[in-house]
């Protein structure tokens, strides 16, 4: 198997506002972990989207 150089998926910057308490909670969760705030938010949004899609499919 040949090594393939990974590609970074295309991204778009979005400016959003977070409540200060939520920022503090996320920062506490990722403290001393190999995770950025952005990576955490992307993973959380992906999980939420998948959950909503599954719920919608179950209703059909």
N, C-alpha and C. Protein backbone atom coordinates (compact mmCIF):
# COMPACT_ATOMS: atom_id res chain seq x y z
N UNK A 1 0.85 -1.18 0.00
CA UNK A 1 0.00 0.00 0.00
C UNK A 1 0.89 1.24 0.00
N UNK A 2 0.66 2.11 -0.94
CA UNK A 2 1.46 3.32 -1.06
C UNK A 2 0.94 4.39 -0.10
N UNK A 3 1.87 5.14 0.44
CA UNK A 3 1.50 6.25 1.32
C UNK A 3 0.84 7.34 0.51
N UNK A 4 -0.29 7.84 1.02
CA UNK A 4 -0.98 8.94 0.37
C UNK A 4 -0.93 10.15 1.29
N UNK A 5 -0.52 11.27 0.75
CA UNK A 5 -0.49 12.51 1.52
C UNK A 5 -1.93 12.95 1.74
N UNK A 6 -2.32 13.15 3.01
CA UNK A 6 -3.72 13.54 3.26
C UNK A 6 -4.00 14.94 2.75
N UNK A 7 -5.23 15.13 2.33
CA UNK A 7 -5.61 16.48 1.89
C UNK A 7 -6.52 17.09 2.94
N UNK A 8 -6.44 18.38 3.07
CA UNK A 8 -7.27 19.11 4.02
C UNK A 8 -8.57 19.47 3.30
N UNK A 9 -9.70 19.11 3.89
CA UNK A 9 -10.96 19.44 3.21
C UNK A 9 -11.14 20.95 3.11
N UNK A 10 -11.85 21.39 2.08
CA UNK A 10 -12.08 22.82 1.95
C UNK A 10 -12.88 23.34 3.15
N UNK A 11 -12.57 24.52 3.58
CA UNK A 11 -13.26 25.12 4.72
C UNK A 11 -13.66 26.55 4.40
N UNK A 12 -14.59 27.05 5.18
CA UNK A 12 -15.04 28.43 5.07
C UNK A 12 -15.08 29.02 6.47
N UNK A 13 -14.57 30.21 6.62
CA UNK A 13 -14.65 30.89 7.91
C UNK A 13 -16.06 31.40 8.14
N UNK A 14 -16.57 31.17 9.34
CA UNK A 14 -17.86 31.70 9.75
C UNK A 14 -17.66 32.35 11.11
N UNK A 15 -18.15 33.54 11.25
CA UNK A 15 -18.07 34.22 12.54
C UNK A 15 -19.39 33.99 13.25
N UNK A 16 -19.30 33.36 14.42
CA UNK A 16 -20.50 33.12 15.22
C UNK A 16 -20.24 33.57 16.65
N UNK A 17 -21.30 33.84 17.35
CA UNK A 17 -21.18 34.28 18.73
C UNK A 17 -21.58 33.12 19.65
N UNK A 18 -20.80 32.95 20.71
CA UNK A 18 -21.07 31.94 21.71
C UNK A 18 -21.32 32.63 23.04
N UNK A 19 -22.22 32.09 23.83
CA UNK A 19 -22.35 32.62 25.19
C UNK A 19 -21.04 32.36 25.95
N UNK A 20 -20.64 33.30 26.79
CA UNK A 20 -19.37 33.17 27.51
C UNK A 20 -19.30 31.91 28.35
N UNK A 21 -20.42 31.51 28.95
CA UNK A 21 -20.39 30.31 29.78
C UNK A 21 -20.14 29.06 28.95
N UNK A 22 -20.65 29.03 27.71
CA UNK A 22 -20.42 27.89 26.84
C UNK A 22 -18.95 27.83 26.40
N UNK A 23 -18.38 28.97 26.11
CA UNK A 23 -16.95 29.03 25.75
C UNK A 23 -16.12 28.48 26.90
N UNK A 24 -16.43 28.91 28.11
CA UNK A 24 -15.69 28.44 29.28
C UNK A 24 -15.83 26.93 29.45
N UNK A 25 -17.03 26.41 29.22
CA UNK A 25 -17.25 24.97 29.36
C UNK A 25 -16.44 24.18 28.34
N UNK A 26 -16.47 24.63 27.10
CA UNK A 26 -15.71 23.94 26.05
C UNK A 26 -14.22 24.02 26.35
N UNK A 27 -13.74 25.20 26.70
CA UNK A 27 -12.31 25.34 26.98
C UNK A 27 -11.88 24.46 28.15
N UNK A 28 -12.75 24.29 29.13
CA UNK A 28 -12.44 23.40 30.26
C UNK A 28 -12.39 21.95 29.79
N UNK A 29 -13.31 21.56 28.92
CA UNK A 29 -13.34 20.19 28.42
C UNK A 29 -12.10 19.83 27.59
N UNK A 30 -11.60 20.79 26.81
CA UNK A 30 -10.46 20.49 25.93
C UNK A 30 -9.12 20.80 26.56
N UNK A 31 -9.15 21.33 27.78
CA UNK A 31 -7.91 21.68 28.48
C UNK A 31 -7.00 20.45 28.59
N UNK A 32 -5.73 20.63 28.24
CA UNK A 32 -4.71 19.57 28.29
C UNK A 32 -5.02 18.40 27.36
N UNK A 33 -5.81 18.66 26.33
CA UNK A 33 -6.11 17.63 25.34
C UNK A 33 -5.60 18.13 23.99
N UNK A 34 -5.37 17.22 23.09
CA UNK A 34 -4.90 17.58 21.75
C UNK A 34 -6.10 17.94 20.88
N UNK A 35 -6.76 19.04 21.24
CA UNK A 35 -7.98 19.45 20.55
C UNK A 35 -8.08 20.98 20.61
N UNK A 36 -8.46 21.56 19.49
CA UNK A 36 -8.68 23.01 19.46
C UNK A 36 -10.17 23.29 19.67
N UNK A 37 -10.47 24.52 20.00
CA UNK A 37 -11.86 24.94 20.14
C UNK A 37 -12.62 24.67 18.85
N UNK A 38 -12.02 25.04 17.72
CA UNK A 38 -12.68 24.84 16.43
C UNK A 38 -12.93 23.36 16.15
N UNK A 39 -11.95 22.51 16.42
CA UNK A 39 -12.12 21.08 16.18
C UNK A 39 -13.25 20.52 17.04
N UNK A 40 -13.33 20.96 18.29
CA UNK A 40 -14.41 20.52 19.17
C UNK A 40 -15.76 20.94 18.62
N UNK A 41 -15.87 22.20 18.20
CA UNK A 41 -17.14 22.71 17.69
C UNK A 41 -17.54 21.97 16.41
N UNK A 42 -16.60 21.73 15.52
CA UNK A 42 -16.91 21.00 14.28
C UNK A 42 -17.41 19.60 14.61
N UNK A 43 -16.74 18.90 15.52
CA UNK A 43 -17.16 17.55 15.90
C UNK A 43 -18.54 17.57 16.54
N UNK A 44 -18.80 18.55 17.39
CA UNK A 44 -20.10 18.65 18.06
C UNK A 44 -21.21 18.93 17.06
N UNK A 45 -20.95 19.81 16.11
CA UNK A 45 -21.96 20.14 15.10
C UNK A 45 -22.21 18.93 14.20
N UNK A 46 -21.15 18.22 13.83
CA UNK A 46 -21.32 16.99 13.02
C UNK A 46 -22.21 16.00 13.76
N UNK A 47 -21.95 15.79 15.04
CA UNK A 47 -22.75 14.85 15.84
C UNK A 47 -24.21 15.30 15.90
N UNK A 48 -24.43 16.59 16.07
CA UNK A 48 -25.79 17.12 16.12
C UNK A 48 -26.51 16.94 14.79
N UNK A 49 -25.82 17.21 13.69
CA UNK A 49 -26.41 17.05 12.36
C UNK A 49 -26.79 15.59 12.12
N UNK A 50 -25.89 14.67 12.46
CA UNK A 50 -26.18 13.24 12.29
C UNK A 50 -27.39 12.82 13.12
N UNK A 51 -27.47 13.31 14.34
CA UNK A 51 -28.59 12.96 15.22
C UNK A 51 -29.91 13.47 14.64
N UNK A 52 -29.93 14.71 14.18
CA UNK A 52 -31.15 15.27 13.60
C UNK A 52 -31.53 14.51 12.33
N UNK A 53 -30.56 14.18 11.49
CA UNK A 53 -30.85 13.42 10.27
C UNK A 53 -31.42 12.05 10.60
N UNK A 54 -30.86 11.38 11.62
CA UNK A 54 -31.37 10.07 12.02
C UNK A 54 -32.80 10.19 12.56
N UNK A 55 -33.06 11.22 13.35
CA UNK A 55 -34.40 11.44 13.88
C UNK A 55 -35.40 11.67 12.75
N UNK A 56 -34.98 12.45 11.75
CA UNK A 56 -35.86 12.74 10.62
C UNK A 56 -36.14 11.48 9.80
N UNK A 57 -35.11 10.65 9.62
CA UNK A 57 -35.29 9.40 8.88
C UNK A 57 -36.21 8.44 9.63
N UNK A 58 -36.11 8.43 10.94
CA UNK A 58 -36.95 7.55 11.77
C UNK A 58 -38.41 7.98 11.70
N UNK A 59 -38.67 9.26 11.48
CA UNK A 59 -40.04 9.78 11.40
C UNK A 59 -40.68 9.50 10.06
N UNK A 60 -39.85 9.25 9.04
CA UNK A 60 -40.39 8.99 7.68
C UNK A 60 -40.98 7.62 7.55
